[in-house]
Amino acid sequence: MSFSVNMSTADIRTINSHADAVDFYKSCLVTCEYGEERRIKGKANSKQMGVSIDSKGDVLFRYHRTDVVIWHRNNSYTINSYSSRSTDAFASAFMPSNASLSKQGSQIILGCRYRDEDAVIHPVCYTATVRGKVVKTDAVFTKDTINRKKAKKLLATTRYAEYREWYGAMWPMVRDDLPPTYRREYLTIELPELISNSDEWHRVMVSQQGCPDNIRNSIYGRNWAAVHDTKTAKMLPVYNSSGWQVTRK
């Protein structure tokens, strides 16, 4: 189970630039445990967090063993995410006020999530660099959708339509006399082969998988590429992000 870290108690001003990040570093408590690293203001007792400046002048915000947010001198910042809500909360605390990390490190939201109609989401696979509203990442959003025309053509090569019509007529007559689903036969034979023979239809109907939806999904599953189209997107509006997965290009 993933838990979020509470950053509201940290004394963090909005960091919108490299200069802001440097000023924050200078205001933090000096420690000698990690070289030049300093403790986060308001989180001075937490060894899990720290801020430092490297030899290039980049400001590094560490959470556990990862520099999660790195502010560069050209005012861009790099996100190094890993899958946890705590990472989202930590990273968002050191990003500009109009940006946040979300969905366990897999999305960067630019713009106000609830008030900005122009707010967009970019995908993240471990790392991404942001400058203003430009995001450089090796990730994309993908979504598999059923191509209805191809699916209809595929189903026409089977006896699915006949079985569905027969099932609709027969099921009301047997359903009240059947045992619970978990006590019925679980068919290990491929469903498309079974429904090709009408003598097997009753056996299929009273099994655990007899619903026509299961038959259809079995047919689709065996012919995934033939019936599915994959859409890709480099970014999405906030209101249209459901159902999309994050993957590498």
C-alpha atoms as a PDB file:
ATOM      1  CA  MET A   1       0.000   0.000   0.000  1.00  0.00           C
ATOM      2  CA  SER A   2       1.270   3.470  -0.880  1.00  0.00           C
ATOM      3  CA  PHE A   3       0.985   6.399   1.524  1.00  0.00           C
ATOM      4  CA  SER A   4       1.530  10.078   0.842  1.00  0.00           C
ATOM      5  CA  VAL A   5       4.016  12.253   2.709  1.00  0.00           C
ATOM      6  CA  ASN A   6       2.677  15.429   4.306  1.00  0.00           C
ATOM      7  CA  MET A   7       4.593  18.389   2.877  1.00  0.00           C
ATOM      8  CA  SER A   8       2.189  21.033   4.180  1.00  0.00           C
ATOM      9  CA  THR A   9       4.283  21.406   7.344  1.00  0.00           C
ATOM     10  CA  ALA A  10       7.422  22.257   5.361  1.00  0.00           C
ATOM     11  CA  ASP A  11       8.266  25.968   5.080  1.00  0.00           C
ATOM     12  CA  ILE A  12       8.365  26.053   1.284  1.00  0.00           C
ATOM     13  CA  ARG A  13       7.867  29.168  -0.762  1.00  0.00           C
ATOM     14  CA  THR A  14       6.749  28.755  -4.350  1.00  0.00           C
ATOM     15  CA  ILE A  15       9.723  27.702  -6.466  1.00  0.00           C
ATOM     16  CA  ASN A  16       9.288  28.979  -9.994  1.00  0.00           C
ATOM     17  CA  SER A  17      12.923  29.309 -11.041  1.00  0.00           C
ATOM     18  CA  HIS A  18      16.477  28.162 -10.411  1.00  0.00           C
ATOM     19  CA  ALA A  19      17.058  31.341  -8.401  1.00  0.00           C
ATOM     20  CA  ASP A  20      14.109  30.475  -6.158  1.00  0.00           C
ATOM     21  CA  ALA A  21      15.572  27.012  -5.630  1.00  0.00           C
ATOM     22  CA  VAL A  22      18.980  28.471  -4.715  1.00  0.00           C
ATOM     23  CA  ASP A  23      17.365  30.894  -2.263  1.00  0.00           C
ATOM     24  CA  PHE A  24      15.475  28.032  -0.670  1.00  0.00           C
ATOM     25  CA  TYR A  25      18.701  26.051  -0.298  1.00  0.00           C
ATOM     26  CA  LYS A  26      20.403  28.990   1.395  1.00  0.00           C
ATOM     27  CA  SER A  27      17.539  29.322   3.866  1.00  0.00           C
ATOM     28  CA  CYS A  28      17.680  25.674   4.941  1.00  0.00           C
ATOM     29  CA  LEU A  29      19.434  24.240   7.988  1.00  0.00           C
ATOM     30  CA  VAL A  30      23.098  23.338   7.475  1.00  0.00           C
ATOM     31  CA  THR A  31      24.067  19.777   8.381  1.00  0.00           C
ATOM     32  CA  CYS A  32      27.327  17.907   8.093  1.00  0.00           C
ATOM     33  CA  GLU A  33      25.875  14.438   7.554  1.00  0.00           C
ATOM     34  CA  TYR A  34      25.635  14.557   3.770  1.00  0.00           C
ATOM     35  CA  GLY A  35      28.399  16.924   2.738  1.00  0.00           C
ATOM     36  CA  GLU A  36      26.837  20.103   1.370  1.00  0.00           C
ATOM     37  CA  GLU A  37      23.297  18.834   1.652  1.00  0.00           C
ATOM     38  CA  ARG A  38      20.884  20.740   3.900  1.00  0.00           C
ATOM     39  CA  ARG A  39      17.700  19.707   5.631  1.00  0.00           C
ATOM     40  CA  ILE A  40      14.341  20.801   4.216  1.00  0.00           C
ATOM     41  CA  LYS A  41      12.846  23.706   6.194  1.00  0.00           C
ATOM     42  CA  GLY A  42      10.014  22.459   8.366  1.00  0.00           C
ATOM     43  CA  LYS A  43      11.283  18.892   7.879  1.00  0.00           C
ATOM     44  CA  ALA A  44      14.604  19.284   9.673  1.00  0.00           C
ATOM     45  CA  ASN A  45      14.098  16.074  11.640  1.00  0.00           C
ATOM     46  CA  SER A  46      13.611  13.969   8.515  1.00  0.00           C
ATOM     47  CA  LYS A  47      16.732  12.323   7.117  1.00  0.00           C
ATOM     48  CA  GLN A  48      14.631  11.105   4.182  1.00  0.00           C
ATOM     49  CA  MET A  49      14.721  14.582   2.613  1.00  0.00           C
ATOM     50  CA  GLY A  50      17.433  17.022   1.698  1.00  0.00           C
ATOM     51  CA  VAL A  51      18.466  19.775  -0.709  1.00  0.00           C
ATOM     52  CA  SER A  52      21.907  20.363  -2.208  1.00  0.00           C
ATOM     53  CA  ILE A  53      23.696  22.152  -5.047  1.00  0.00           C
ATOM     54  CA  ASP A  54      26.018  20.153  -7.296  1.00  0.00           C
ATOM     55  CA  SER A  55      29.151  21.234  -9.169  1.00  0.00           C
ATOM     56  CA  LYS A  56      27.087  22.422 -12.167  1.00  0.00           C
ATOM     57  CA  GLY A  57      24.985  24.694  -9.995  1.00  0.00           C
ATOM     58  CA  ASP A  58      21.875  22.493 -10.229  1.00  0.00           C
ATOM     59  CA  VAL A  59      19.706  22.382  -7.127  1.00  0.00           C
ATOM     60  CA  LEU A  60      18.822  18.815  -6.120  1.00  0.00           C
ATOM     61  CA  PHE A  61      15.846  17.959  -3.934  1.00  0.00           C
ATOM     62  CA  ARG A  62      16.356  14.455  -2.525  1.00  0.00           C
ATOM     63  CA  TYR A  63      13.675  12.104  -1.240  1.00  0.00           C
ATOM     64  CA  HIS A  64      15.072   8.840   0.128  1.00  0.00           C
ATOM     65  CA  ARG A  65      17.877   7.893  -2.323  1.00  0.00           C
ATOM     66  CA  THR A  66      16.595   9.758  -5.371  1.00  0.00           C
ATOM     67  CA  ASP A  67      17.032  13.376  -6.463  1.00  0.00           C
ATOM     68  CA  VAL A  68      13.361  13.673  -7.340  1.00  0.00           C
ATOM     69  CA  VAL A  69      13.396  17.310  -8.488  1.00  0.00           C
ATOM     70  CA  ILE A  70      16.459  18.965 -10.045  1.00  0.00           C
ATOM     71  CA  TRP A  71      16.363  22.665 -10.912  1.00  0.00           C
ATOM     72  CA  HIS A  72      18.786  23.599 -13.710  1.00  0.00           C
ATOM     73  CA  ARG A  73      20.398  26.969 -14.302  1.00  0.00           C
ATOM     74  CA  ASN A  74      18.361  27.508 -17.501  1.00  0.00           C
ATOM     75  CA  ASN A  75      15.185  27.457 -15.332  1.00  0.00           C
ATOM     76  CA  SER A  76      14.085  24.029 -16.478  1.00  0.00           C
ATOM     77  CA  TYR A  77      13.605  21.244 -13.958  1.00  0.00           C
ATOM     78  CA  THR A  78      13.913  17.482 -14.200  1.00  0.00           C
ATOM     79  CA  ILE A  79      11.611  15.027 -12.478  1.00  0.00           C
ATOM     80  CA  ASN A  80      12.976  11.605 -11.492  1.00  0.00           C
ATOM     81  CA  SER A  81       9.882   9.766 -10.355  1.00  0.00           C
ATOM     82  CA  TYR A  82       9.157   6.377  -8.937  1.00  0.00           C
ATOM     83  CA  SER A  83       5.763   4.907  -8.264  1.00  0.00           C
ATOM     84  CA  SER A  84       4.442   6.280  -4.983  1.00  0.00           C
ATOM     85  CA  ARG A  85       2.019   8.901  -3.752  1.00  0.00           C
ATOM     86  CA  SER A  86       4.765  10.170  -1.449  1.00  0.00           C
ATOM     87  CA  THR A  87       6.908  10.997  -4.472  1.00  0.00           C
ATOM     88  CA  ASP A  88       4.000  12.923  -5.990  1.00  0.00           C
ATOM     89  CA  ALA A  89       3.583  15.036  -2.847  1.00  0.00           C
ATOM     90  CA  PHE A  90       7.315  15.634  -2.411  1.00  0.00           C
ATOM     91  CA  ALA A  91       7.951  16.552  -6.048  1.00  0.00           C
ATOM     92  CA  SER A  92       4.909  18.836  -6.282  1.00  0.00           C
ATOM     93  CA  ALA A  93       6.218  20.849  -3.317  1.00  0.00           C
ATOM     94  CA  PHE A  94       9.316  21.889  -5.295  1.00  0.00           C
ATOM     95  CA  MET A  95       7.712  22.408  -8.703  1.00  0.00           C
ATOM     96  CA  PRO A  96       6.117  25.682  -9.885  1.00  0.00           C
ATOM     97  CA  SER A  97       2.705  26.577  -8.505  1.00  0.00           C
ATOM     98  CA  ASN A  98       1.030  25.680 -11.810  1.00  0.00           C
ATOM     99  CA  ALA A  99       2.571  22.174 -11.954  1.00  0.00           C
ATOM    100  CA  SER A 100       2.218  18.949 -10.016  1.00  0.00           C
ATOM    101  CA  LEU A 101       3.170  15.303 -10.205  1.00  0.00           C
ATOM    102  CA  SER A 102       0.307  12.802 -10.016  1.00  0.00           C
ATOM    103  CA  LYS A 103      -0.860   9.211 -10.506  1.00  0.00           C
ATOM    104  CA  GLN A 104       2.088   7.768  -8.576  1.00  0.00           C
ATOM    105  CA  GLY A 105       4.671   9.575 -10.644  1.00  0.00           C
ATOM    106  CA  SER A 106       3.246   8.758 -14.075  1.00  0.00           C
ATOM    107  CA  GLN A 107       1.757  12.165 -14.948  1.00  0.00           C
ATOM    108  CA  ILE A 108       2.789  15.812 -14.834  1.00  0.00           C
ATOM    109  CA  ILE A 109      -0.138  18.227 -14.673  1.00  0.00           C
ATOM    110  CA  LEU A 110       0.534  21.729 -16.010  1.00  0.00           C
ATOM    111  CA  GLY A 111      -2.181  24.200 -15.051  1.00  0.00           C
ATOM    112  CA  CYS A 112      -4.779  24.154 -12.307  1.00  0.00           C
ATOM    113  CA  ARG A 113      -6.475  20.768 -12.268  1.00  0.00           C
ATOM    114  CA  TYR A 114      -9.915  22.092 -11.297  1.00  0.00           C
ATOM    115  CA  ARG A 115     -10.059  25.673 -12.601  1.00  0.00           C
ATOM    116  CA  ASP A 116      -7.903  25.878 -15.722  1.00  0.00           C
ATOM    117  CA  GLU A 117      -9.645  24.613 -18.849  1.00  0.00           C
ATOM    118  CA  ASP A 118      -6.283  24.661 -20.628  1.00  0.00           C
ATOM    119  CA  ALA A 119      -4.611  22.406 -18.061  1.00  0.00           C
ATOM    120  CA  VAL A 120      -2.838  19.476 -19.708  1.00  0.00           C
ATOM    121  CA  ILE A 121      -1.268  16.220 -18.596  1.00  0.00           C
ATOM    122  CA  HIS A 122       2.020  14.796 -19.879  1.00  0.00           C
ATOM    123  CA  PRO A 123       3.084  11.180 -19.328  1.00  0.00           C
ATOM    124  CA  VAL A 124       6.186  10.275 -17.300  1.00  0.00           C
ATOM    125  CA  CYS A 125       8.238   7.085 -17.310  1.00  0.00           C
ATOM    126  CA  TYR A 126      10.767   7.665 -14.550  1.00  0.00           C
ATOM    127  CA  THR A 127      12.103  10.960 -15.878  1.00  0.00           C
ATOM    128  CA  ALA A 128      10.966  14.134 -17.643  1.00  0.00           C
ATOM    129  CA  THR A 129      12.346  17.649 -18.059  1.00  0.00           C
ATOM    130  CA  VAL A 130      10.026  20.644 -17.974  1.00  0.00           C
ATOM    131  CA  ARG A 131      10.584  24.230 -19.074  1.00  0.00           C
ATOM    132  CA  GLY A 132       7.493  26.372 -18.924  1.00  0.00           C
ATOM    133  CA  LYS A 133       4.844  24.275 -20.640  1.00  0.00           C
ATOM    134  CA  VAL A 134       7.299  22.262 -22.743  1.00  0.00           C
ATOM    135  CA  VAL A 135       7.904  18.726 -21.471  1.00  0.00           C
ATOM    136  CA  LYS A 136      10.650  16.448 -22.785  1.00  0.00           C
ATOM    137  CA  THR A 137       9.951  12.810 -22.006  1.00  0.00           C
ATOM    138  CA  ASP A 138      10.381   9.363 -23.518  1.00  0.00           C
ATOM    139  CA  ALA A 139       6.830   8.405 -22.564  1.00  0.00           C
ATOM    140  CA  VAL A 140       3.488   8.524 -24.347  1.00  0.00           C
ATOM    141  CA  PHE A 141      -0.134   7.877 -23.481  1.00  0.00           C
ATOM    142  CA  THR A 142      -1.697   4.839 -25.174  1.00  0.00           C
ATOM    143  CA  LYS A 143      -5.245   3.553 -25.332  1.00  0.00           C
ATOM    144  CA  ASP A 144      -6.576   0.384 -26.943  1.00  0.00           C
ATOM    145  CA  THR A 145     -10.006   0.718 -28.513  1.00  0.00           C
ATOM    146  CA  ILE A 146     -12.131  -1.846 -30.309  1.00  0.00           C
ATOM    147  CA  ASN A 147     -12.516  -1.210 -34.020  1.00  0.00           C
ATOM    148  CA  ARG A 148     -16.206  -1.953 -34.379  1.00  0.00           C
ATOM    149  CA  LYS A 149     -16.041  -2.576 -38.108  1.00  0.00           C
ATOM    150  CA  LYS A 150     -13.190  -5.079 -37.777  1.00  0.00           C
ATOM    151  CA  ALA A 151     -14.813  -6.696 -34.741  1.00  0.00           C
ATOM    152  CA  LYS A 152     -18.116  -7.191 -36.564  1.00  0.00           C
ATOM    153  CA  LYS A 153     -16.281  -8.756 -39.485  1.00  0.00           C
ATOM    154  CA  LEU A 154     -14.426 -11.119 -37.152  1.00  0.00           C
ATOM    155  CA  LEU A 155     -17.568 -12.171 -35.266  1.00  0.00           C
ATOM    156  CA  ALA A 156     -19.228 -12.973 -38.591  1.00  0.00           C
ATOM    157  CA  THR A 157     -16.655 -15.748 -39.116  1.00  0.00           C
ATOM    158  CA  THR A 158     -17.914 -17.510 -35.967  1.00  0.00           C
ATOM    159  CA  ARG A 159     -21.287 -18.741 -34.720  1.00  0.00           C
ATOM    160  CA  TYR A 160     -21.357 -16.080 -32.032  1.00  0.00           C
ATOM    161  CA  ALA A 161     -24.517 -14.346 -33.331  1.00  0.00           C
ATOM    162  CA  GLU A 162     -26.385 -17.670 -33.470  1.00  0.00           C
ATOM    163  CA  TYR A 163     -25.265 -18.626 -29.976  1.00  0.00           C
ATOM    164  CA  ARG A 164     -26.242 -15.204 -28.569  1.00  0.00           C
ATOM    165  CA  GLU A 165     -29.754 -15.484 -30.046  1.00  0.00           C
ATOM    166  CA  TRP A 166     -30.125 -19.056 -28.763  1.00  0.00           C
ATOM    167  CA  TYR A 167     -28.805 -18.060 -25.338  1.00  0.00           C
ATOM    168  CA  GLY A 168     -31.325 -15.223 -25.121  1.00  0.00           C
ATOM    169  CA  ALA A 169     -34.179 -17.666 -25.656  1.00  0.00           C
ATOM    170  CA  MET A 170     -32.884 -20.504 -23.454  1.00  0.00           C
ATOM    171  CA  TRP A 171     -31.267 -18.764 -20.495  1.00  0.00           C
ATOM    172  CA  PRO A 172     -34.523 -17.592 -18.804  1.00  0.00           C
ATOM    173  CA  MET A 173     -35.680 -21.214 -18.724  1.00  0.00           C
ATOM    174  CA  VAL A 174     -32.643 -22.618 -16.886  1.00  0.00           C
ATOM    175  CA  ARG A 175     -31.126 -19.846 -14.794  1.00  0.00           C
ATOM    176  CA  ASP A 176     -33.308 -20.359 -11.699  1.00  0.00           C
ATOM    177  CA  ASP A 177     -32.387 -24.043 -11.462  1.00  0.00           C
ATOM    178  CA  LEU A 178     -28.612 -23.644 -11.786  1.00  0.00           C
ATOM    179  CA  PRO A 179     -26.166 -23.852  -8.859  1.00  0.00           C
ATOM    180  CA  PRO A 180     -24.066 -20.779  -7.931  1.00  0.00           C
ATOM    181  CA  THR A 181     -21.592 -19.768 -10.602  1.00  0.00           C
ATOM    182  CA  TYR A 182     -18.558 -21.006  -8.673  1.00  0.00           C
ATOM    183  CA  ARG A 183     -20.050 -24.541  -8.569  1.00  0.00           C
ATOM    184  CA  ARG A 184     -20.578 -24.785 -12.307  1.00  0.00           C
ATOM    185  CA  GLU A 185     -18.121 -26.303 -14.762  1.00  0.00           C
ATOM    186  CA  TYR A 186     -15.160 -24.149 -15.680  1.00  0.00           C
ATOM    187  CA  LEU A 187     -14.373 -24.815 -19.316  1.00  0.00           C
ATOM    188  CA  THR A 188     -10.717 -25.207 -20.206  1.00  0.00           C
ATOM    189  CA  ILE A 189     -11.501 -25.730 -23.885  1.00  0.00           C
ATOM    190  CA  GLU A 190     -11.447 -22.607 -26.060  1.00  0.00           C
ATOM    191  CA  LEU A 191     -14.925 -21.086 -26.123  1.00  0.00           C
ATOM    192  CA  PRO A 192     -14.887 -20.150 -29.848  1.00  0.00           C
ATOM    193  CA  GLU A 193     -14.311 -23.832 -30.721  1.00  0.00           C
ATOM    194  CA  LEU A 194     -17.126 -24.972 -28.454  1.00  0.00           C
ATOM    195  CA  ILE A 195     -19.750 -22.633 -29.886  1.00  0.00           C
ATOM    196  CA  SER A 196     -18.858 -23.747 -33.403  1.00  0.00           C
ATOM    197  CA  ASN A 197     -20.758 -26.937 -32.526  1.00  0.00           C
ATOM    198  CA  SER A 198     -24.374 -26.332 -31.531  1.00  0.00           C
ATOM    199  CA  ASP A 199     -24.383 -29.640 -29.646  1.00  0.00           C
ATOM    200  CA  GLU A 200     -22.091 -27.952 -27.086  1.00  0.00           C
ATOM    201  CA  TRP A 201     -24.201 -24.832 -26.590  1.00  0.00           C
ATOM    202  CA  HIS A 202     -26.090 -26.099 -23.546  1.00  0.00           C
ATOM    203  CA  ARG A 203     -22.836 -27.136 -21.873  1.00  0.00           C
ATOM    204  CA  VAL A 204     -21.393 -23.683 -22.538  1.00  0.00           C
ATOM    205  CA  MET A 205     -24.535 -21.876 -21.359  1.00  0.00           C
ATOM    206  CA  VAL A 206     -24.604 -23.592 -17.945  1.00  0.00           C
ATOM    207  CA  SER A 207     -20.843 -23.224 -17.393  1.00  0.00           C
ATOM    208  CA  GLN A 208     -19.108 -20.387 -15.566  1.00  0.00           C
ATOM    209  CA  GLN A 209     -18.306 -18.659 -18.865  1.00  0.00           C
ATOM    210  CA  GLY A 210     -21.562 -19.084 -20.768  1.00  0.00           C
ATOM    211  CA  CYS A 211     -22.556 -15.401 -20.990  1.00  0.00           C
ATOM    212  CA  PRO A 212     -22.292 -14.107 -24.600  1.00  0.00           C
ATOM    213  CA  ASP A 213     -20.084 -11.252 -23.369  1.00  0.00           C
ATOM    214  CA  ASN A 214     -17.518 -13.821 -22.240  1.00  0.00           C
ATOM    215  CA  ILE A 215     -17.708 -15.572 -25.600  1.00  0.00           C
ATOM    216  CA  ARG A 216     -17.192 -12.310 -27.448  1.00  0.00           C
ATOM    217  CA  ASN A 217     -14.257 -11.307 -25.261  1.00  0.00           C
ATOM    218  CA  SER A 218     -12.682 -14.711 -25.813  1.00  0.00           C
ATOM    219  CA  ILE A 219     -12.946 -14.249 -29.576  1.00  0.00           C
ATOM    220  CA  TYR A 220     -11.467 -10.757 -29.335  1.00  0.00           C
ATOM    221  CA  GLY A 221      -8.683 -11.954 -27.038  1.00  0.00           C
ATOM    222  CA  ARG A 222      -7.505 -14.547 -29.524  1.00  0.00           C
ATOM    223  CA  ASN A 223      -7.468 -11.931 -32.286  1.00  0.00           C
ATOM    224  CA  TRP A 224      -6.363  -8.844 -30.336  1.00  0.00           C
ATOM    225  CA  ALA A 225      -4.482  -7.105 -33.150  1.00  0.00           C
ATOM    226  CA  ALA A 226      -7.268  -7.810 -35.619  1.00  0.00           C
ATOM    227  CA  VAL A 227      -9.953  -5.967 -33.651  1.00  0.00           C
ATOM    228  CA  HIS A 228      -8.097  -3.351 -31.582  1.00  0.00           C
ATOM    229  CA  ASP A 229      -6.634  -0.023 -32.598  1.00  0.00           C
ATOM    230  CA  THR A 230      -4.010   1.661 -30.408  1.00  0.00           C
ATOM    231  CA  LYS A 231      -4.202   5.419 -30.061  1.00  0.00           C
ATOM    232  CA  THR A 232      -1.225   7.421 -28.810  1.00  0.00           C
ATOM    233  CA  ALA A 233      -0.945  10.937 -27.401  1.00  0.00           C
ATOM    234  CA  LYS A 234       1.960  13.042 -26.157  1.00  0.00           C
ATOM    235  CA  MET A 235      -0.340  15.031 -23.884  1.00  0.00           C
ATOM    236  CA  LEU A 236      -3.999  15.132 -22.908  1.00  0.00           C
ATOM    237  CA  PRO A 237      -6.428  17.659 -21.467  1.00  0.00           C
ATOM    238  CA  VAL A 238      -7.110  16.971 -17.810  1.00  0.00           C
ATOM    239  CA  TYR A 239     -10.791  16.243 -18.412  1.00  0.00           C
ATOM    240  CA  ASN A 240     -10.007  13.557 -21.024  1.00  0.00           C
ATOM    241  CA  SER A 241      -7.334  11.445 -19.359  1.00  0.00           C
ATOM    242  CA  SER A 242      -9.311   8.431 -18.133  1.00  0.00           C
ATOM    243  CA  GLY A 243      -8.597   5.088 -19.762  1.00  0.00           C
ATOM    244  CA  TRP A 244      -5.134   6.056 -21.025  1.00  0.00           C
ATOM    245  CA  GLN A 245      -2.000   4.152 -20.027  1.00  0.00           C
ATOM    246  CA  VAL A 246       1.574   5.459 -19.797  1.00  0.00           C
ATOM    247  CA  THR A 247       4.327   3.628 -21.662  1.00  0.00           C
ATOM    248  CA  ARG A 248       7.673   4.352 -23.319  1.00  0.00           C
ATOM    249  CA  LYS A 249       7.718   5.457 -26.921  1.00  0.00           C
END
